[in-house]
PDB file of N, CA and C in Angstrom:
ATOM      1  N   MET A   1      -3.398 -32.243  -7.354  1.00  0.00           N
ATOM      2  CA  MET A   1      -4.609 -31.521  -7.031  1.00  0.00           C
ATOM      3  C   MET A   1      -4.231 -30.140  -6.491  1.00  0.00           C
ATOM      4  N   PRO A   2      -4.788 -29.079  -7.043  1.00  0.00           N
ATOM      5  CA  PRO A   2      -4.424 -27.731  -6.593  1.00  0.00           C
ATOM      6  C   PRO A   2      -4.934 -27.436  -5.187  1.00  0.00           C
ATOM      7  N   ASN A   3      -4.222 -26.581  -4.526  1.00  0.00           N
ATOM      8  CA  ASN A   3      -4.622 -26.172  -3.186  1.00  0.00           C
ATOM      9  C   ASN A   3      -5.660 -25.062  -3.334  1.00  0.00           C
ATOM     10  N   TYR A   4      -6.938 -25.425  -3.227  1.00  0.00           N
ATOM     11  CA  TYR A   4      -8.022 -24.476  -3.455  1.00  0.00           C
ATOM     12  C   TYR A   4      -8.067 -23.378  -2.401  1.00  0.00           C
ATOM     13  N   MET A   5      -7.668 -23.695  -1.180  1.00  0.00           N
ATOM     14  CA  MET A   5      -7.666 -22.680  -0.133  1.00  0.00           C
ATOM     15  C   MET A   5      -6.656 -21.584  -0.461  1.00  0.00           C
ATOM     16  N   LEU A   6      -5.493 -21.970  -0.972  1.00  0.00           N
ATOM     17  CA  LEU A   6      -4.467 -20.996  -1.351  1.00  0.00           C
ATOM     18  C   LEU A   6      -4.956 -20.134  -2.512  1.00  0.00           C
ATOM     19  N   ILE A   7      -5.595 -20.758  -3.495  1.00  0.00           N
ATOM     20  CA  ILE A   7      -6.129 -20.016  -4.638  1.00  0.00           C
ATOM     21  C   ILE A   7      -7.213 -19.051  -4.161  1.00  0.00           C
ATOM     22  N   PHE A   8      -8.098 -19.519  -3.293  1.00  0.00           N
ATOM     23  CA  PHE A   8      -9.164 -18.671  -2.747  1.00  0.00           C
ATOM     24  C   PHE A   8      -8.571 -17.493  -1.981  1.00  0.00           C
ATOM     25  N   SER A   9      -7.548 -17.751  -1.160  1.00  0.00           N
ATOM     26  CA  SER A   9      -6.893 -16.684  -0.399  1.00  0.00           C
ATOM     27  C   SER A   9      -6.279 -15.651  -1.334  1.00  0.00           C
ATOM     28  N   PHE A  10      -5.677 -16.123  -2.430  1.00  0.00           N
ATOM     29  CA  PHE A  10      -5.060 -15.199  -3.381  1.00  0.00           C
ATOM     30  C   PHE A  10      -6.111 -14.311  -4.045  1.00  0.00           C
ATOM     31  N   VAL A  11      -7.255 -14.906  -4.414  1.00  0.00           N
ATOM     32  CA  VAL A  11      -8.322 -14.132  -5.047  1.00  0.00           C
ATOM     33  C   VAL A  11      -8.854 -13.081  -4.075  1.00  0.00           C
ATOM     34  N   ILE A  12      -9.082 -13.456  -2.833  1.00  0.00           N
ATOM     35  CA  ILE A  12      -9.560 -12.508  -1.824  1.00  0.00           C
ATOM     36  C   ILE A  12      -8.529 -11.404  -1.620  1.00  0.00           C
ATOM     37  N   PHE A  13      -7.250 -11.780  -1.489  1.00  0.00           N
ATOM     38  CA  PHE A  13      -6.176 -10.822  -1.253  1.00  0.00           C
ATOM     39  C   PHE A  13      -6.055  -9.853  -2.429  1.00  0.00           C
ATOM     40  N   THR A  14      -6.057 -10.369  -3.638  1.00  0.00           N
ATOM     41  CA  THR A  14      -5.932  -9.530  -4.827  1.00  0.00           C
ATOM     42  C   THR A  14      -7.106  -8.571  -4.944  1.00  0.00           C
ATOM     43  N   SER A  15      -8.316  -9.070  -4.733  1.00  0.00           N
ATOM     44  CA  SER A  15      -9.470  -8.194  -4.863  1.00  0.00           C
ATOM     45  C   SER A  15      -9.488  -7.140  -3.757  1.00  0.00           C
ATOM     46  N   THR A  16      -8.954  -7.462  -2.583  1.00  0.00           N
ATOM     47  CA  THR A  16      -8.881  -6.481  -1.505  1.00  0.00           C
ATOM     48  C   THR A  16      -7.943  -5.350  -1.876  1.00  0.00           C
ATOM     49  N   LEU A  17      -6.793  -5.696  -2.468  1.00  0.00           N
ATOM     50  CA  LEU A  17      -5.851  -4.659  -2.886  1.00  0.00           C
ATOM     51  C   LEU A  17      -6.441  -3.803  -3.999  1.00  0.00           C
ATOM     52  N   GLU A  18      -7.165  -4.428  -4.924  1.00  0.00           N
ATOM     53  CA  GLU A  18      -7.783  -3.660  -6.001  1.00  0.00           C
ATOM     54  C   GLU A  18      -8.852  -2.722  -5.436  1.00  0.00           C
ATOM     55  N   ALA A  19      -9.618  -3.204  -4.471  1.00  0.00           N
ATOM     56  CA  ALA A  19     -10.638  -2.352  -3.855  1.00  0.00           C
ATOM     57  C   ALA A  19      -9.984  -1.179  -3.139  1.00  0.00           C
ATOM     58  N   ALA A  20      -8.847  -1.441  -2.502  1.00  0.00           N
ATOM     59  CA  ALA A  20      -8.137  -0.354  -1.829  1.00  0.00           C
ATOM     60  C   ALA A  20      -7.712   0.691  -2.847  1.00  0.00           C
ATOM     61  N   SER A  21      -7.263   0.268  -4.005  1.00  0.00           N
ATOM     62  CA  SER A  21      -6.860   1.216  -5.036  1.00  0.00           C
ATOM     63  C   SER A  21      -8.054   2.032  -5.506  1.00  0.00           C
ATOM     64  N   PHE A  22      -9.220   1.411  -5.598  1.00  0.00           N
ATOM     65  CA  PHE A  22     -10.434   2.133  -5.964  1.00  0.00           C
ATOM     66  C   PHE A  22     -10.758   3.185  -4.912  1.00  0.00           C
ATOM     67  N   GLU A  23     -10.663   2.801  -3.642  1.00  0.00           N
ATOM     68  CA  GLU A  23     -10.927   3.736  -2.550  1.00  0.00           C
ATOM     69  C   GLU A  23      -9.938   4.902  -2.578  1.00  0.00           C
ATOM     70  N   PHE A  24      -8.688   4.590  -2.880  1.00  0.00           N
ATOM     71  CA  PHE A  24      -7.676   5.636  -2.966  1.00  0.00           C
ATOM     72  C   PHE A  24      -8.006   6.599  -4.101  1.00  0.00           C
ATOM     73  N   GLN A  25      -8.373   6.063  -5.242  1.00  0.00           N
ATOM     74  CA  GLN A  25      -8.718   6.916  -6.388  1.00  0.00           C
ATOM     75  C   GLN A  25      -9.921   7.795  -6.069  1.00  0.00           C
ATOM     76  N   LYS A  26     -10.893   7.223  -5.396  1.00  0.00           N
ATOM     77  CA  LYS A  26     -12.076   7.989  -5.004  1.00  0.00           C
ATOM     78  C   LYS A  26     -11.685   9.137  -4.074  1.00  0.00           C
ATOM     79  N   CYS A  27     -10.822   8.858  -3.119  1.00  0.00           N
ATOM     80  CA  CYS A  27     -10.351   9.888  -2.195  1.00  0.00           C
ATOM     81  C   CYS A  27      -9.607  10.989  -2.948  1.00  0.00           C
ATOM     82  N   MET A  28      -8.749  10.594  -3.868  1.00  0.00           N
ATOM     83  CA  MET A  28      -7.975  11.581  -4.632  1.00  0.00           C
ATOM     84  C   MET A  28      -8.887  12.423  -5.532  1.00  0.00           C
ATOM     85  N   ASP A  29      -9.949  11.821  -6.029  1.00  0.00           N
ATOM     86  CA  ASP A  29     -10.890  12.569  -6.863  1.00  0.00           C
ATOM     87  C   ASP A  29     -11.596  13.660  -6.075  1.00  0.00           C
ATOM     88  N   GLU A  30     -11.712  13.465  -4.767  1.00  0.00           N
ATOM     89  CA  GLU A  30     -12.418  14.429  -3.929  1.00  0.00           C
ATOM     90  C   GLU A  30     -11.503  15.515  -3.353  1.00  0.00           C
ATOM     91  N   VAL A  31     -10.212  15.484  -3.705  1.00  0.00           N
ATOM     92  CA  VAL A  31      -9.279  16.507  -3.208  1.00  0.00           C
ATOM     93  C   VAL A  31      -9.642  17.861  -3.801  1.00  0.00           C
ATOM     94  N   ASP A  32      -9.718  18.849  -2.928  1.00  0.00           N
ATOM     95  CA  ASP A  32      -9.993  20.225  -3.347  1.00  0.00           C
ATOM     96  C   ASP A  32      -8.651  20.902  -3.613  1.00  0.00           C
ATOM     97  N   TYR A  33      -8.334  21.114  -4.879  1.00  0.00           N
ATOM     98  CA  TYR A  33      -7.036  21.664  -5.247  1.00  0.00           C
ATOM     99  C   TYR A  33      -6.917  23.158  -4.980  1.00  0.00           C
ATOM    100  N   SER A  34      -7.988  23.782  -4.538  1.00  0.00           N
ATOM    101  CA  SER A  34      -7.910  25.213  -4.248  1.00  0.00           C
ATOM    102  C   SER A  34      -7.470  25.486  -2.806  1.00  0.00           C
ATOM    103  N   ALA A  35      -7.540  24.471  -1.954  1.00  0.00           N
ATOM    104  CA  ALA A  35      -7.178  24.701  -0.549  1.00  0.00           C
ATOM    105  C   ALA A  35      -6.584  23.446   0.086  1.00  0.00           C
ATOM    106  N   MET A  36      -5.421  23.578   0.669  1.00  0.00           N
ATOM    107  CA  MET A  36      -4.761  22.518   1.441  1.00  0.00           C
ATOM    108  C   MET A  36      -4.705  21.182   0.705  1.00  0.00           C
ATOM    109  N   LYS A  37      -4.362  21.200  -0.571  1.00  0.00           N
ATOM    110  CA  LYS A  37      -4.356  19.958  -1.348  1.00  0.00           C
ATOM    111  C   LYS A  37      -3.341  18.945  -0.830  1.00  0.00           C
ATOM    112  N   ASN A  38      -2.159  19.386  -0.376  1.00  0.00           N
ATOM    113  CA  ASN A  38      -1.157  18.443   0.117  1.00  0.00           C
ATOM    114  C   ASN A  38      -1.651  17.698   1.352  1.00  0.00           C
ATOM    115  N   THR A  39      -2.315  18.390   2.249  1.00  0.00           N
ATOM    116  CA  THR A  39      -2.846  17.751   3.447  1.00  0.00           C
ATOM    117  C   THR A  39      -3.904  16.719   3.077  1.00  0.00           C
ATOM    118  N   GLN A  40      -4.771  17.064   2.153  1.00  0.00           N
ATOM    119  CA  GLN A  40      -5.820  16.135   1.725  1.00  0.00           C
ATOM    120  C   GLN A  40      -5.219  14.931   0.999  1.00  0.00           C
ATOM    121  N   MET A  41      -4.237  15.177   0.147  1.00  0.00           N
ATOM    122  CA  MET A  41      -3.596  14.082  -0.581  1.00  0.00           C
ATOM    123  C   MET A  41      -2.842  13.164   0.383  1.00  0.00           C
ATOM    124  N   ASN A  42      -2.184  13.740   1.380  1.00  0.00           N
ATOM    125  CA  ASN A  42      -1.479  12.928   2.371  1.00  0.00           C
ATOM    126  C   ASN A  42      -2.452  12.073   3.176  1.00  0.00           C
ATOM    127  N   ALA A  43      -3.630  12.594   3.466  1.00  0.00           N
ATOM    128  CA  ALA A  43      -4.646  11.806   4.171  1.00  0.00           C
ATOM    129  C   ALA A  43      -5.090  10.611   3.314  1.00  0.00           C
ATOM    130  N   CYS A  44      -5.213  10.820   2.008  1.00  0.00           N
ATOM    131  CA  CYS A  44      -5.589   9.724   1.101  1.00  0.00           C
ATOM    132  C   CYS A  44      -4.517   8.644   1.076  1.00  0.00           C
ATOM    133  N   ILE A  45      -3.250   9.062   0.979  1.00  0.00           N
ATOM    134  CA  ILE A  45      -2.166   8.068   0.887  1.00  0.00           C
ATOM    135  C   ILE A  45      -1.993   7.336   2.216  1.00  0.00           C
ATOM    136  N   ASP A  46      -2.222   8.026   3.341  1.00  0.00           N
ATOM    137  CA  ASP A  46      -2.155   7.357   4.644  1.00  0.00           C
ATOM    138  C   ASP A  46      -3.237   6.290   4.766  1.00  0.00           C
ATOM    139  N   ALA A  47      -4.437   6.608   4.315  1.00  0.00           N
ATOM    140  CA  ALA A  47      -5.543   5.634   4.354  1.00  0.00           C
ATOM    141  C   ALA A  47      -5.241   4.442   3.447  1.00  0.00           C
ATOM    142  N   GLU A  48      -4.654   4.706   2.294  1.00  0.00           N
ATOM    143  CA  GLU A  48      -4.284   3.619   1.368  1.00  0.00           C
ATOM    144  C   GLU A  48      -3.221   2.721   2.001  1.00  0.00           C
ATOM    145  N   TYR A  49      -2.254   3.323   2.660  1.00  0.00           N
ATOM    146  CA  TYR A  49      -1.189   2.555   3.321  1.00  0.00           C
ATOM    147  C   TYR A  49      -1.788   1.632   4.386  1.00  0.00           C
ATOM    148  N   LEU A  50      -2.699   2.137   5.173  1.00  0.00           N
ATOM    149  CA  LEU A  50      -3.354   1.303   6.191  1.00  0.00           C
ATOM    150  C   LEU A  50      -4.171   0.192   5.556  1.00  0.00           C
ATOM    151  N   ARG A  51      -4.847   0.491   4.444  1.00  0.00           N
ATOM    152  CA  ARG A  51      -5.622  -0.548   3.749  1.00  0.00           C
ATOM    153  C   ARG A  51      -4.708  -1.654   3.229  1.00  0.00           C
ATOM    154  N   VAL A  52      -3.555  -1.277   2.683  1.00  0.00           N
ATOM    155  CA  VAL A  52      -2.618  -2.290   2.172  1.00  0.00           C
ATOM    156  C   VAL A  52      -2.087  -3.138   3.324  1.00  0.00           C
ATOM    157  N   LEU A  53      -1.748  -2.509   4.435  1.00  0.00           N
ATOM    158  CA  LEU A  53      -1.269  -3.267   5.588  1.00  0.00           C
ATOM    159  C   LEU A  53      -2.328  -4.233   6.097  1.00  0.00           C
ATOM    160  N   ASN A  54      -3.580  -3.822   6.089  1.00  0.00           N
ATOM    161  CA  ASN A  54      -4.667  -4.667   6.589  1.00  0.00           C
ATOM    162  C   ASN A  54      -5.147  -5.687   5.567  1.00  0.00           C
ATOM    163  N   ALA A  55      -4.740  -5.549   4.323  1.00  0.00           N
ATOM    164  CA  ALA A  55      -5.194  -6.451   3.270  1.00  0.00           C
ATOM    165  C   ALA A  55      -4.358  -7.722   3.167  1.00  0.00           C
ATOM    166  N   THR A  56      -3.372  -7.853   4.024  1.00  0.00           N
ATOM    167  CA  THR A  56      -2.532  -9.041   3.941  1.00  0.00           C
ATOM    168  C   THR A  56      -3.330 -10.288   4.280  1.00  0.00           C
ATOM    169  N   SER A  57      -2.938 -11.366   3.690  1.00  0.00           N
ATOM    170  CA  SER A  57      -3.592 -12.646   3.916  1.00  0.00           C
ATOM    171  C   SER A  57      -3.448 -13.075   5.376  1.00  0.00           C
ATOM    172  N   LYS A  58      -4.443 -13.785   5.864  1.00  0.00           N
ATOM    173  CA  LYS A  58      -4.380 -14.303   7.235  1.00  0.00           C
ATOM    174  C   LYS A  58      -3.252 -15.322   7.363  1.00  0.00           C
ATOM    175  N   ARG A  59      -2.817 -15.886   6.254  1.00  0.00           N
ATOM    176  CA  ARG A  59      -1.762 -16.885   6.260  1.00  0.00           C
ATOM    177  C   ARG A  59      -0.373 -16.247   6.249  1.00  0.00           C
ATOM    178  N   TYR A  60      -0.329 -14.955   6.104  1.00  0.00           N
ATOM    179  CA  TYR A  60       0.935 -14.221   6.080  1.00  0.00           C
ATOM    180  C   TYR A  60       1.438 -14.085   7.513  1.00  0.00           C
ATOM    181  N   PRO A  61       2.569 -14.680   7.855  1.00  0.00           N
ATOM    182  CA  PRO A  61       3.048 -14.658   9.243  1.00  0.00           C
ATOM    183  C   PRO A  61       3.287 -13.236   9.757  1.00  0.00           C
ATOM    184  N   LEU A  62       2.868 -12.968  10.984  1.00  0.00           N
ATOM    185  CA  LEU A  62       2.990 -11.627  11.553  1.00  0.00           C
ATOM    186  C   LEU A  62       4.436 -11.163  11.640  1.00  0.00           C
ATOM    187  N   ASP A  63       5.352 -12.067  11.991  1.00  0.00           N
ATOM    188  CA  ASP A  63       6.754 -11.648  12.087  1.00  0.00           C
ATOM    189  C   ASP A  63       7.304 -11.278  10.713  1.00  0.00           C
ATOM    190  N   LEU A  64       6.882 -11.994   9.673  1.00  0.00           N
ATOM    191  CA  LEU A  64       7.312 -11.664   8.316  1.00  0.00           C
ATOM    192  C   LEU A  64       6.684 -10.350   7.863  1.00  0.00           C
ATOM    193  N   LYS A  65       5.427 -10.124   8.223  1.00  0.00           N
ATOM    194  CA  LYS A  65       4.757  -8.865   7.893  1.00  0.00           C
ATOM    195  C   LYS A  65       5.491  -7.698   8.540  1.00  0.00           C
ATOM    196  N   ALA A  66       5.886  -7.855   9.793  1.00  0.00           N
ATOM    197  CA  ALA A  66       6.616  -6.787  10.494  1.00  0.00           C
ATOM    198  C   ALA A  66       7.966  -6.528   9.838  1.00  0.00           C
ATOM    199  N   LYS A  67       8.662  -7.599   9.458  1.00  0.00           N
ATOM    200  CA  LYS A  67       9.965  -7.432   8.795  1.00  0.00           C
ATOM    201  C   LYS A  67       9.807  -6.752   7.438  1.00  0.00           C
ATOM    202  N   ASP A  68       8.799  -7.153   6.675  1.00  0.00           N
ATOM    203  CA  ASP A  68       8.574  -6.552   5.367  1.00  0.00           C
ATOM    204  C   ASP A  68       8.179  -5.082   5.488  1.00  0.00           C
ATOM    205  N   THR A  69       7.359  -4.763   6.478  1.00  0.00           N
ATOM    206  CA  THR A  69       6.956  -3.374   6.702  1.00  0.00           C
ATOM    207  C   THR A  69       8.166  -2.535   7.078  1.00  0.00           C
ATOM    208  N   SER A  70       9.034  -3.085   7.915  1.00  0.00           N
ATOM    209  CA  SER A  70      10.252  -2.385   8.317  1.00  0.00           C
ATOM    210  C   SER A  70      11.200  -2.217   7.130  1.00  0.00           C
ATOM    211  N   LEU A  71      11.322  -3.265   6.311  1.00  0.00           N
ATOM    212  CA  LEU A  71      12.172  -3.195   5.124  1.00  0.00           C
ATOM    213  C   LEU A  71      11.668  -2.117   4.168  1.00  0.00           C
ATOM    214  N   ALA A  72      10.375  -2.090   3.938  1.00  0.00           N
ATOM    215  CA  ALA A  72       9.805  -1.082   3.041  1.00  0.00           C
ATOM    216  C   ALA A  72      10.062   0.322   3.579  1.00  0.00           C
ATOM    217  N   ALA A  73       9.927   0.497   4.882  1.00  0.00           N
ATOM    218  CA  ALA A  73      10.177   1.807   5.490  1.00  0.00           C
ATOM    219  C   ALA A  73      11.639   2.207   5.315  1.00  0.00           C
ATOM    220  N   ASP A  74      12.554   1.263   5.560  1.00  0.00           N
ATOM    221  CA  ASP A  74      13.983   1.570   5.434  1.00  0.00           C
ATOM    222  C   ASP A  74      14.377   1.895   3.997  1.00  0.00           C
ATOM    223  N   VAL A  75      13.904   1.092   3.048  1.00  0.00           N
ATOM    224  CA  VAL A  75      14.244   1.308   1.640  1.00  0.00           C
ATOM    225  C   VAL A  75      13.719   2.662   1.169  1.00  0.00           C
ATOM    226  N   CYS A  76      12.494   2.971   1.529  1.00  0.00           N
ATOM    227  CA  CYS A  76      11.884   4.217   1.063  1.00  0.00           C
ATOM    228  C   CYS A  76      12.432   5.444   1.794  1.00  0.00           C
ATOM    229  N   GLU A  77      12.906   5.271   3.025  1.00  0.00           N
ATOM    230  CA  GLU A  77      13.540   6.377   3.741  1.00  0.00           C
ATOM    231  C   GLU A  77      14.885   6.719   3.100  1.00  0.00           C
ATOM    232  N   ALA A  78      15.590   5.694   2.620  1.00  0.00           N
ATOM    233  CA  ALA A  78      16.915   5.908   2.034  1.00  0.00           C
ATOM    234  C   ALA A  78      16.840   6.634   0.691  1.00  0.00           C
ATOM    235  N   LYS A  79      15.713   6.510   0.033  1.00  0.00           N
ATOM    236  CA  LYS A  79      15.533   7.147  -1.271  1.00  0.00           C
ATOM    237  C   LYS A  79      15.219   8.632  -1.081  1.00  0.00           C
ATOM    238  N   ASP A  80      15.764   9.471  -1.946  1.00  0.00           N
ATOM    239  CA  ASP A  80      15.523  10.919  -1.856  1.00  0.00           C
ATOM    240  C   ASP A  80      14.204  11.256  -2.552  1.00  0.00           C
ATOM    241  N   HIS A  81      13.250  11.733  -1.780  1.00  0.00           N
ATOM    242  CA  HIS A  81      11.938  12.084  -2.314  1.00  0.00           C
ATOM    243  C   HIS A  81      11.723  13.597  -2.378  1.00  0.00           C
ATOM    244  N   SER A  82      12.765  14.358  -2.110  1.00  0.00           N
ATOM    245  CA  SER A  82      12.602  15.806  -1.958  1.00  0.00           C
ATOM    246  C   SER A  82      12.128  16.513  -3.224  1.00  0.00           C
ATOM    247  N   ARG A  83      12.395  15.931  -4.380  1.00  0.00           N
ATOM    248  CA  ARG A  83      12.012  16.597  -5.633  1.00  0.00           C
ATOM    249  C   ARG A  83      10.849  15.910  -6.344  1.00  0.00           C
ATOM    250  N   GLU A  84      10.218  14.970  -5.678  1.00  0.00           N
ATOM    251  CA  GLU A  84       9.143  14.221  -6.326  1.00  0.00           C
ATOM    252  C   GLU A  84       7.792  14.879  -6.092  1.00  0.00           C
ATOM    253  N   ALA A  85       6.942  14.768  -7.087  1.00  0.00           N
ATOM    254  CA  ALA A  85       5.590  15.341  -7.001  1.00  0.00           C
ATOM    255  C   ALA A  85       4.638  14.277  -6.477  1.00  0.00           C
ATOM    256  N   PRO A  86       3.578  14.611  -5.843  1.00  0.00           N
ATOM    257  CA  PRO A  86       3.104  15.952  -5.537  1.00  0.00           C
ATOM    258  C   PRO A  86       3.786  16.564  -4.328  1.00  0.00           C
ATOM    259  N   ASN A  87       4.292  15.734  -3.389  1.00  0.00           N
ATOM    260  CA  ASN A  87       5.079  16.239  -2.272  1.00  0.00           C
ATOM    261  C   ASN A  87       5.922  15.082  -1.734  1.00  0.00           C
ATOM    262  N   PRO A  88       7.003  15.382  -1.013  1.00  0.00           N
ATOM    263  CA  PRO A  88       7.908  14.315  -0.562  1.00  0.00           C
ATOM    264  C   PRO A  88       7.242  13.252   0.308  1.00  0.00           C
ATOM    265  N   TYR A  89       6.373  13.642   1.216  1.00  0.00           N
ATOM    266  CA  TYR A  89       5.707  12.674   2.093  1.00  0.00           C
ATOM    267  C   TYR A  89       4.852  11.708   1.279  1.00  0.00           C
ATOM    268  N   PHE A  90       4.074  12.233   0.348  1.00  0.00           N
ATOM    269  CA  PHE A  90       3.210  11.428  -0.513  1.00  0.00           C
ATOM    270  C   PHE A  90       4.053  10.408  -1.289  1.00  0.00           C
ATOM    271  N   SER A  91       5.172  10.875  -1.830  1.00  0.00           N
ATOM    272  CA  SER A  91       6.054   9.997  -2.611  1.00  0.00           C
ATOM    273  C   SER A  91       6.660   8.896  -1.752  1.00  0.00           C
ATOM    274  N   LYS A  92       7.048   9.229  -0.521  1.00  0.00           N
ATOM    275  CA  LYS A  92       7.648   8.235   0.376  1.00  0.00           C
ATOM    276  C   LYS A  92       6.636   7.151   0.733  1.00  0.00           C
ATOM    277  N   ILE A  93       5.412   7.525   1.062  1.00  0.00           N
ATOM    278  CA  ILE A  93       4.394   6.535   1.425  1.00  0.00           C
ATOM    279  C   ILE A  93       3.983   5.722   0.198  1.00  0.00           C
ATOM    280  N   SER A  94       3.934   6.347  -0.970  1.00  0.00           N
ATOM    281  CA  SER A  94       3.641   5.615  -2.207  1.00  0.00           C
ATOM    282  C   SER A  94       4.701   4.548  -2.457  1.00  0.00           C
ATOM    283  N   CYS A  95       5.948   4.894  -2.201  1.00  0.00           N
ATOM    284  CA  CYS A  95       7.050   3.940  -2.333  1.00  0.00           C
ATOM    285  C   CYS A  95       6.819   2.736  -1.428  1.00  0.00           C
ATOM    286  N   ARG A  96       6.442   2.991  -0.175  1.00  0.00           N
ATOM    287  CA  ARG A  96       6.182   1.896   0.771  1.00  0.00           C
ATOM    288  C   ARG A  96       5.041   1.005   0.290  1.00  0.00           C
ATOM    289  N   ILE A  97       3.984   1.616  -0.203  1.00  0.00           N
ATOM    290  CA  ILE A  97       2.827   0.846  -0.669  1.00  0.00           C
ATOM    291  C   ILE A  97       3.216  -0.077  -1.811  1.00  0.00           C
ATOM    292  N   GLU A  98       3.906   0.468  -2.804  1.00  0.00           N
ATOM    293  CA  GLU A  98       4.295  -0.348  -3.963  1.00  0.00           C
ATOM    294  C   GLU A  98       5.232  -1.480  -3.565  1.00  0.00           C
ATOM    295  N   LEU A  99       6.186  -1.192  -2.688  1.00  0.00           N
ATOM    296  CA  LEU A  99       7.111  -2.228  -2.235  1.00  0.00           C
ATOM    297  C   LEU A  99       6.384  -3.312  -1.453  1.00  0.00           C
ATOM    298  N   LEU A 100       5.473  -2.913  -0.565  1.00  0.00           N
ATOM    299  CA  LEU A 100       4.716  -3.910   0.205  1.00  0.00           C
ATOM    300  C   LEU A 100       3.833  -4.764  -0.703  1.00  0.00           C
ATOM    301  N   LYS A 101       3.199  -4.154  -1.690  1.00  0.00           N
ATOM    302  CA  LYS A 101       2.381  -4.937  -2.626  1.00  0.00           C
ATOM    303  C   LYS A 101       3.239  -5.967  -3.345  1.00  0.00           C
ATOM    304  N   ASP A 102       4.443  -5.571  -3.749  1.00  0.00           N
ATOM    305  CA  ASP A 102       5.357  -6.511  -4.409  1.00  0.00           C
ATOM    306  C   ASP A 102       5.760  -7.638  -3.458  1.00  0.00           C
ATOM    307  N   LEU A 103       6.110  -7.299  -2.249  1.00  0.00           N
ATOM    308  CA  LEU A 103       6.512  -8.320  -1.275  1.00  0.00           C
ATOM    309  C   LEU A 103       5.361  -9.269  -0.952  1.00  0.00           C
ATOM    310  N   TYR A 104       4.154  -8.734  -0.799  1.00  0.00           N
ATOM    311  CA  TYR A 104       3.003  -9.584  -0.505  1.00  0.00           C
ATOM    312  C   TYR A 104       2.681 -10.504  -1.677  1.00  0.00           C
ATOM    313  N   SER A 105       2.835 -10.006  -2.897  1.00  0.00           N
ATOM    314  CA  SER A 105       2.530 -10.840  -4.064  1.00  0.00           C
ATOM    315  C   SER A 105       3.520 -11.987  -4.199  1.00  0.00           C
ATOM    316  N   ILE A 106       4.758 -11.769  -3.804  1.00  0.00           N
ATOM    317  CA  ILE A 106       5.757 -12.847  -3.838  1.00  0.00           C
ATOM    318  C   ILE A 106       5.351 -13.956  -2.869  1.00  0.00           C
ATOM    319  N   TYR A 107       4.877 -13.577  -1.686  1.00  0.00           N
ATOM    320  CA  TYR A 107       4.474 -14.572  -0.691  1.00  0.00           C
ATOM    321  C   TYR A 107       3.256 -15.360  -1.163  1.00  0.00           C
ATOM    322  N   GLN A 108       2.396 -14.746  -1.933  1.00  0.00           N
ATOM    323  CA  GLN A 108       1.158 -15.392  -2.378  1.00  0.00           C
ATOM    324  C   GLN A 108       1.397 -16.437  -3.464  1.00  0.00           C
ATOM    325  N   ARG A 109       2.533 -16.394  -4.119  1.00  0.00           N
ATOM    326  CA  ARG A 109       2.785 -17.341  -5.237  1.00  0.00           C
ATOM    327  C   ARG A 109       2.973 -18.739  -4.760  1.00  0.00           C
TER     328      ARG A 109
END
């Protein structure tokens, strides 16, 4: 018999991450490229990062979440983002988001 609570948690978790991506896209669509675009884009990626951190399942242990967040920060800090578009900060936080999504999806399986 399948664990329906686990399946339900996965559906909620997945849809939360997808909604966060929609919110991020909406924010990026509203960036004014004629003035301070990097600051506006960085604000969008920061909000997305917080949404991903908050979208973790309630069943995801806090100590594991802290370790995964630290791991993502370390891995992405070690990578050279100086030549990546649109700016190095945006690229570094994007790296963290993608790594955290991968780590969270492994836990959900």
